[in-house]
Every structure is written in C-alpha cells, then in structure tokens.
Amino acid sequence: MTFRSVIASIVQQEDINFLLTNRIPRRLATQFFGWFSQIEQPFVRDLSIGLWRLCSDLDLSDARQQRFRSLHDCFIRQLRDGARPVDADPNLLVSPCDAIVGAAGLVEDGQVLQIKGFPYRVRDLFGDENHAAIFSNGCYVTLRLTATMYHHFHAPHDCLIQSTTYVSGDTWNVNPIALKRVERLFCKNERAVIRTRLSASGHSVTLVPVAAILVASLRLSFLDPSLDLRRAGPRTIRCDAAVQKGEAMGWFQHGSTIIVFAPKGFRLCETVRPGAMIRVGQPLMRLPEAATAASR
C-alpha cells in the first residue's frame, strides 16, 4: 500500500475527515494557510508542493508554467493556451469552472438541494428574496472544485455583469461529508452573489462562488483588484462589465464551490449529473427554445 493510499484511506473515513476539516478553528486555520501558502522560500515551496503531489492527484501537465514562486502560486496557476476549449454554440451555457457536479435540478418552491435530503432556500443563499424569485421553477447546478483543480472561473456565456454582493459567513468545508452533516451549509459560508444578464437573450444568470475552509478568499477580475469585499462598507457593488463566453471572471485562492442559477426554460445538459466531472467551457445548460430560435 502506497503512502498516498494510506493517507486517502484515513481521510476518507467520514468521522475523521469531518473532525480534521471542521472541528478546528476554521477562520484561524484559513488565515494561517493563506499566510503559509504564500511563503516564497525555495525549501518551503518545494516541500509543500512535493507533499501536495505525494498525497493527491495533482496534475500540472496543462499548466502554463512548471515552476512556481510559492504553494499559493501553484494553487492559482494559469493554464496553457487551448487547454480548455469553449463550446461556441450560442444556445449553450457552459461550465464556468473545472468541477465535480454536485446537486443539480429544478428550483422547486424556492428551494434547491445541497445534497439529497438537505434543502435550502435560494433567498437565504442570495440574501435577497426578489432576486431569488427570478429563478422560480428555473434550474441550478452545484459545481465543486477540489484542491488540486484549476481554480479560475470563467463567463458561462456572453453576458453583462450587473453587480456583486458579498455575504460574510463561516468557512465550513464544502465536501460531501460536510454537506451531509451541516444543514444549509452554503447559506452559512462566506460567498459572493454575481448577477449577470446574457447579452443576446437578456436572461438572468447568477453565479454564487462559495468560500470554504482554507479558501475564504475570492478575487474577481472585473472589479478593482485593490477592493477587499470583506471590509466594512457597502456589501453590494454595482458594475457594468461585459464579458465574453469563456473569458476569465476571477479565481479562488484554494478550491471551493460555484452554484449556477438559470431561469425557467433552461435545461441541464444530459451529461450534467451528480458525480460527473466537468471542465471549463463544456456544455452545462441549454437555453430556452425561444432564445434558440431567435439566435438562428
């Protein structure tokens, strides 16, 4: 049995995993990791990345560079050109990130699932009942980024970014083990609610990046980089930024979750089902037939 398989067998035990990733000072651990991961001392950098590769399925073959200044630099790596081709079909909404598909389906009675048997209200996630009402009888998909994945996220379609609302919160782990134990977890964690409107059809599509332990740091490329959403002040930032399908929108500092919401008439693509792997630019949802006909 290899060292990696031993570590994996320990971490995969639900009780141990939950204790290791949640029953610790989550905010303090997140702040410490944010500091440690940015140490650029060569020995610390090489040892950290080496241990990470030893204990995980980290694959850097599609990274733009193979040498990194720090562990953090490796986490937020860019990809080489062409590594994530974007489906150009205007009738498709594509995945904004590399991920494992979690819960997905219809918004029913204003509720969605974080995992089977654990519903939560969209209005609690958004912090805005009127905004949530837009997606009544619409569809949603939860996209979970693991620590080893590419951590940038991109525009799912040509769209106008209208606003970003920061919601402060906790940093629970967002893996399936925690999702089965902590009710309304996504509504408790730190998150950003990004409102967009599709350029051609006018449909509203909302992305909700959710922070997690060791993450709790989100960068949005369409906002002033000096802006820290966590500081006191207005929580909703209006913007008028046009982005093209597949264009970079931001990145997580580690790995986390993005929940995508689309209004009534959108349909999940056949390949989008819980447990499936998906990459940036691959089909996620199909636009309503009326919008499909109009685009011809």
Protein backbone atom coordinates (compact mmCIF):
# COMPACT_ATOMS: atom_id res chain seq x y z
CA MET A 1 0.00 0.00 0.00
CA THR A 2 1.42 3.38 -1.03
CA PHE A 3 1.74 6.42 1.23
CA ARG A 4 -0.92 8.20 -0.84
CA SER A 5 -3.39 5.33 -0.45
CA VAL A 6 -2.80 5.22 3.32
CA ILE A 7 -3.48 8.96 3.62
CA ALA A 8 -6.53 8.66 1.37
CA SER A 9 -7.99 5.77 3.39
CA ILE A 10 -7.66 7.79 6.61
CA VAL A 11 -9.12 10.99 5.19
CA GLN A 12 -11.99 9.15 3.52
CA GLN A 13 -13.27 7.93 6.91
CA GLU A 14 -16.15 10.35 7.40
CA ASP A 15 -15.77 10.98 11.13
CA ILE A 16 -12.03 11.66 10.84
CA ASN A 17 -12.46 13.80 7.73
CA PHE A 18 -15.16 15.90 9.39
CA LEU A 19 -13.08 16.36 12.54
CA LEU A 20 -9.92 17.28 10.61
CA THR A 21 -11.61 19.80 8.33
CA ASN A 22 -14.33 21.30 10.52
CA ARG A 23 -13.78 20.78 14.25
CA ILE A 24 -10.81 23.11 14.28
CA PRO A 25 -10.71 26.94 14.46
CA ARG A 26 -11.81 27.30 10.81
CA ARG A 27 -11.21 31.02 10.39
CA LEU A 28 -7.83 30.89 12.13
CA ALA A 29 -6.77 27.87 10.05
CA THR A 30 -7.82 29.69 6.89
CA GLN A 31 -5.85 32.80 7.79
CA PHE A 32 -2.78 30.73 8.68
CA PHE A 33 -2.91 28.76 5.44
CA GLY A 34 -3.32 31.97 3.45
CA TRP A 35 -0.08 33.23 5.01
CA PHE A 36 1.84 29.96 4.80
CA SER A 37 0.93 29.21 1.18
CA GLN A 38 2.47 32.49 0.02
CA ILE A 39 5.91 31.85 1.53
CA GLU A 40 8.37 32.06 -1.37
CA GLN A 41 11.36 30.49 0.38
CA PRO A 42 12.53 27.71 -2.03
CA PHE A 43 12.75 24.92 0.56
CA VAL A 44 9.27 25.63 1.96
CA ARG A 45 7.85 25.98 -1.55
CA ASP A 46 9.36 22.75 -2.88
CA LEU A 47 8.50 20.73 0.23
CA SER A 48 4.88 22.00 0.24
CA ILE A 49 4.27 21.30 -3.43
CA GLY A 50 6.07 17.96 -3.16
CA LEU A 51 3.91 16.79 -0.25
CA TRP A 52 0.79 18.01 -2.04
CA ARG A 53 1.66 15.97 -5.13
CA LEU A 54 2.51 12.92 -2.98
CA CYS A 55 -0.82 12.99 -1.12
CA SER A 56 -3.12 13.87 -4.02
CA ASP A 57 -3.83 13.51 -7.72
CA LEU A 58 -2.36 16.93 -8.57
CA ASP A 59 -1.78 17.18 -12.32
CA LEU A 60 0.23 20.13 -13.62
CA SER A 61 0.62 18.89 -17.19
CA ASP A 62 -1.72 21.57 -18.59
CA ALA A 63 -0.27 24.43 -16.52
CA ARG A 64 1.23 27.38 -18.37
CA GLN A 65 4.34 27.16 -16.22
CA GLN A 66 6.03 24.35 -14.32
CA ARG A 67 7.98 26.41 -11.80
CA PHE A 68 6.13 28.35 -9.10
CA ARG A 69 7.11 31.08 -6.64
CA SER A 70 5.10 29.50 -3.80
CA LEU A 71 2.44 26.94 -2.98
CA HIS A 72 -0.13 29.71 -3.49
CA ASP A 73 1.30 30.44 -6.94
CA CYS A 74 0.73 26.79 -7.80
CA PHE A 75 -2.84 26.87 -6.47
CA ILE A 76 -3.82 29.80 -8.70
CA ARG A 77 -1.86 28.64 -11.75
CA GLN A 78 -2.86 29.66 -15.25
CA LEU A 79 -3.37 27.07 -17.99
CA ARG A 80 -1.57 26.89 -21.29
CA ASP A 81 -3.45 28.32 -24.29
CA GLY A 82 -6.02 25.91 -25.69
CA ALA A 83 -6.15 23.71 -22.60
CA ARG A 84 -9.86 24.44 -22.10
CA PRO A 85 -11.68 24.83 -25.44
CA VAL A 86 -15.01 26.62 -25.01
CA ASP A 87 -18.10 25.28 -26.78
CA ALA A 88 -19.08 28.10 -29.15
CA ASP A 89 -22.73 27.03 -29.57
CA PRO A 90 -24.71 30.19 -28.64
CA ASN A 91 -27.56 28.01 -27.38
CA LEU A 92 -25.43 26.52 -24.63
CA LEU A 93 -24.44 27.87 -21.24
CA VAL A 94 -21.04 26.36 -20.45
CA SER A 95 -19.37 25.40 -17.20
CA PRO A 96 -17.54 28.33 -15.60
CA CYS A 97 -15.01 26.06 -13.90
CA ASP A 98 -13.43 22.64 -13.64
CA ALA A 99 -15.51 20.74 -11.11
CA ILE A 100 -17.32 17.69 -9.87
CA VAL A 101 -21.06 18.08 -10.35
CA GLY A 102 -22.96 18.05 -7.07
CA ALA A 103 -26.69 18.51 -6.62
CA ALA A 104 -28.49 19.74 -9.75
CA GLY A 105 -32.08 20.08 -10.93
CA LEU A 106 -35.08 22.38 -10.68
CA VAL A 107 -35.73 25.19 -8.21
CA GLU A 108 -38.92 23.97 -6.51
CA ASP A 109 -40.91 26.11 -4.07
CA GLY A 110 -37.91 28.44 -3.85
CA GLN A 111 -35.68 25.60 -2.66
CA VAL A 112 -32.75 23.59 -4.01
CA LEU A 113 -30.64 20.78 -2.56
CA GLN A 114 -27.10 20.92 -1.24
CA ILE A 115 -27.24 17.12 -1.12
CA LYS A 116 -30.12 14.63 -1.04
CA GLY A 117 -32.34 15.33 1.97
CA PHE A 118 -30.76 18.72 2.74
CA PRO A 119 -32.72 21.54 1.06
CA TYR A 120 -32.09 25.25 1.45
CA ARG A 121 -33.87 28.37 0.24
CA VAL A 122 -32.41 30.36 -2.63
CA ARG A 123 -33.42 33.60 -0.89
CA ASP A 124 -31.24 32.61 2.08
CA LEU A 125 -28.30 31.98 -0.22
CA PHE A 126 -28.73 35.27 -2.10
CA GLY A 127 -29.86 37.34 0.87
CA ASP A 128 -32.48 38.87 -1.44
CA GLU A 129 -35.99 37.45 -1.91
CA ASN A 130 -36.74 39.45 -5.08
CA HIS A 131 -33.55 38.22 -6.72
CA ALA A 132 -34.34 34.63 -5.75
CA ALA A 133 -37.83 34.92 -7.28
CA ILE A 134 -36.29 35.33 -10.75
CA PHE A 135 -35.26 31.67 -10.64
CA SER A 136 -38.60 30.21 -9.54
CA ASN A 137 -39.04 26.95 -11.49
CA GLY A 138 -35.64 27.52 -13.06
CA CYS A 139 -32.68 25.20 -12.77
CA TYR A 140 -29.41 25.10 -10.88
CA VAL A 141 -26.21 23.11 -10.66
CA THR A 142 -23.62 22.90 -7.90
CA LEU A 143 -20.00 22.71 -9.09
CA ARG A 144 -17.41 21.60 -6.51
CA LEU A 145 -13.77 22.43 -7.10
CA THR A 146 -11.31 20.18 -5.31
CA ALA A 147 -7.96 21.43 -4.03
CA THR A 148 -5.99 20.04 -6.97
CA MET A 149 -8.19 21.52 -9.70
CA TYR A 150 -7.70 24.63 -11.81
CA HIS A 151 -9.12 27.39 -9.58
CA HIS A 152 -10.05 30.13 -12.04
CA PHE A 153 -13.63 30.55 -13.21
CA HIS A 154 -14.93 31.97 -16.47
CA ALA A 155 -18.03 33.50 -18.05
CA PRO A 156 -20.61 30.82 -18.94
CA HIS A 157 -21.89 32.92 -21.87
CA ASP A 158 -21.55 36.38 -23.40
CA CYS A 159 -23.02 38.50 -20.64
CA LEU A 160 -23.10 41.75 -18.73
CA ILE A 161 -22.07 41.56 -15.08
CA GLN A 162 -24.51 43.78 -13.23
CA SER A 163 -23.47 43.52 -9.58
CA THR A 164 -21.63 41.52 -6.97
CA THR A 165 -22.96 41.12 -3.45
CA TYR A 166 -20.59 39.96 -0.73
CA VAL A 167 -22.17 37.94 2.09
CA SER A 168 -19.95 37.35 5.12
CA GLY A 169 -20.04 33.98 6.83
CA ASP A 170 -18.27 30.88 8.07
CA THR A 171 -15.76 28.63 6.32
CA TRP A 172 -17.17 25.12 6.66
CA ASN A 173 -15.65 22.53 4.36
CA VAL A 174 -17.88 22.04 1.31
CA ASN A 175 -17.06 18.39 0.61
CA PRO A 176 -19.88 15.78 0.54
CA ILE A 177 -19.10 14.64 4.09
CA ALA A 178 -19.79 18.11 5.49
CA LEU A 179 -22.79 18.64 3.19
CA LYS A 180 -24.43 15.57 4.75
CA ARG A 181 -23.92 16.89 8.28
CA VAL A 182 -24.32 20.67 8.22
CA GLU A 183 -27.75 21.92 7.17
CA ARG A 184 -27.93 24.97 4.90
CA LEU A 185 -24.14 24.98 4.72
CA PHE A 186 -23.88 27.16 1.61
CA CYS A 187 -26.11 29.75 3.29
CA LYS A 188 -23.73 29.86 6.27
CA ASN A 189 -20.44 30.19 4.41
CA GLU A 190 -18.78 33.32 3.06
CA ARG A 191 -19.85 33.88 -0.55
CA ALA A 192 -20.35 36.32 -3.42
CA VAL A 193 -23.54 36.59 -5.47
CA ILE A 194 -22.68 37.62 -9.03
CA ARG A 195 -25.65 38.81 -11.11
CA THR A 196 -25.31 38.65 -14.88
CA ARG A 197 -27.58 39.17 -17.87
CA LEU A 198 -26.97 37.29 -21.12
CA SER A 199 -26.09 39.74 -23.88
CA ALA A 200 -28.19 38.22 -26.67
CA SER A 201 -31.28 36.84 -24.92
CA GLY A 202 -31.46 39.08 -21.84
CA HIS A 203 -31.87 36.12 -19.47
CA SER A 204 -30.63 36.50 -15.91
CA VAL A 205 -27.95 34.02 -14.82
CA THR A 206 -26.43 34.16 -11.34
CA LEU A 207 -23.20 32.59 -10.13
CA VAL A 208 -22.55 32.11 -6.41
CA PRO A 209 -18.92 31.29 -5.55
CA VAL A 210 -18.91 29.88 -2.01
CA ALA A 211 -15.79 30.00 0.17
CA ALA A 212 -14.64 27.15 2.39
CA ILE A 213 -12.02 26.32 4.98
CA LEU A 214 -8.52 27.31 3.77
CA VAL A 215 -10.21 29.26 0.94
CA ALA A 216 -12.24 32.29 2.10
CA SER A 217 -10.53 34.49 -0.42
CA LEU A 218 -12.00 35.32 -3.77
CA ARG A 219 -10.62 37.55 -6.50
CA LEU A 220 -12.85 38.99 -9.20
CA SER A 221 -11.05 40.20 -12.32
CA PHE A 222 -13.85 42.60 -13.31
CA LEU A 223 -13.52 44.58 -10.06
CA ASP A 224 -10.74 46.85 -8.83
CA PRO A 225 -8.05 44.45 -7.52
CA SER A 226 -7.44 46.71 -4.52
CA LEU A 227 -11.03 46.21 -3.39
CA ASP A 228 -11.45 43.81 -0.47
CA LEU A 229 -15.07 42.69 -0.35
CA ARG A 230 -14.67 41.62 3.28
CA ARG A 231 -14.01 45.12 4.58
CA ALA A 232 -16.68 47.28 6.13
CA GLY A 233 -18.73 49.33 3.74
CA PRO A 234 -21.35 48.65 1.02
CA ARG A 235 -21.84 44.97 0.51
CA THR A 236 -23.29 45.25 -3.00
CA ILE A 237 -21.03 46.62 -5.70
CA ARG A 238 -22.70 47.72 -8.92
CA CYS A 239 -20.79 47.18 -12.11
CA ASP A 240 -21.29 47.27 -15.83
CA ALA A 241 -18.70 44.82 -17.14
CA ALA A 242 -19.23 42.98 -20.43
CA VAL A 243 -17.50 39.59 -20.67
CA GLN A 244 -17.39 37.09 -23.49
CA LYS A 245 -18.11 33.40 -23.17
CA GLY A 246 -15.07 31.71 -21.65
CA GLU A 247 -13.45 34.96 -20.52
CA ALA A 248 -11.86 34.88 -17.06
CA MET A 249 -14.02 36.27 -14.25
CA GLY A 250 -11.90 35.50 -11.18
CA TRP A 251 -10.36 32.80 -9.07
CA PHE A 252 -10.40 31.10 -5.69
CA GLN A 253 -7.26 31.08 -3.60
CA HIS A 254 -7.62 27.34 -3.00
CA GLY A 255 -10.74 25.41 -4.07
CA SER A 256 -14.43 25.63 -3.31
CA THR A 257 -17.87 25.64 -4.93
CA ILE A 258 -19.79 27.62 -7.54
CA ILE A 259 -23.57 27.34 -7.80
CA VAL A 260 -25.09 28.42 -11.12
CA PHE A 261 -28.74 29.50 -11.38
CA ALA A 262 -30.73 29.99 -14.59
CA PRO A 263 -34.42 30.94 -15.01
CA LYS A 264 -37.38 28.87 -16.16
CA GLY A 265 -36.93 27.35 -19.59
CA PHE A 266 -33.25 26.46 -19.25
CA ARG A 267 -32.44 22.74 -19.20
CA LEU A 268 -29.47 20.87 -17.80
CA CYS A 269 -27.42 19.10 -20.44
CA GLU A 270 -27.63 15.31 -20.45
CA THR A 271 -24.06 14.86 -19.25
CA VAL A 272 -24.59 17.06 -16.17
CA ARG A 273 -25.42 14.69 -13.35
CA PRO A 274 -24.15 14.28 -9.77
CA GLY A 275 -20.65 12.87 -9.59
CA ALA A 276 -19.75 13.72 -13.19
CA MET A 277 -16.55 15.60 -13.95
CA ILE A 278 -16.85 18.77 -16.00
CA ARG A 279 -14.34 21.29 -17.29
CA VAL A 280 -14.39 24.96 -18.17
CA GLY A 281 -16.17 25.52 -21.48
CA GLN A 282 -18.07 22.23 -21.61
CA PRO A 283 -21.89 22.26 -22.00
CA LEU A 284 -23.77 22.91 -18.77
CA MET A 285 -27.28 24.11 -19.64
CA ARG A 286 -29.31 24.61 -22.80
CA LEU A 287 -31.06 27.95 -23.35
CA PRO A 288 -34.86 28.03 -23.81
CA GLU A 289 -36.18 27.11 -27.25
CA ALA A 290 -37.42 30.65 -27.91
CA ALA A 291 -33.90 32.00 -27.36
CA THR A 292 -32.54 29.19 -29.54
CA ALA A 293 -34.84 30.13 -32.41
CA ALA A 294 -34.03 33.84 -32.06
CA SER A 295 -30.32 33.18 -32.37
CA ARG A 296 -30.66 31.44 -35.74
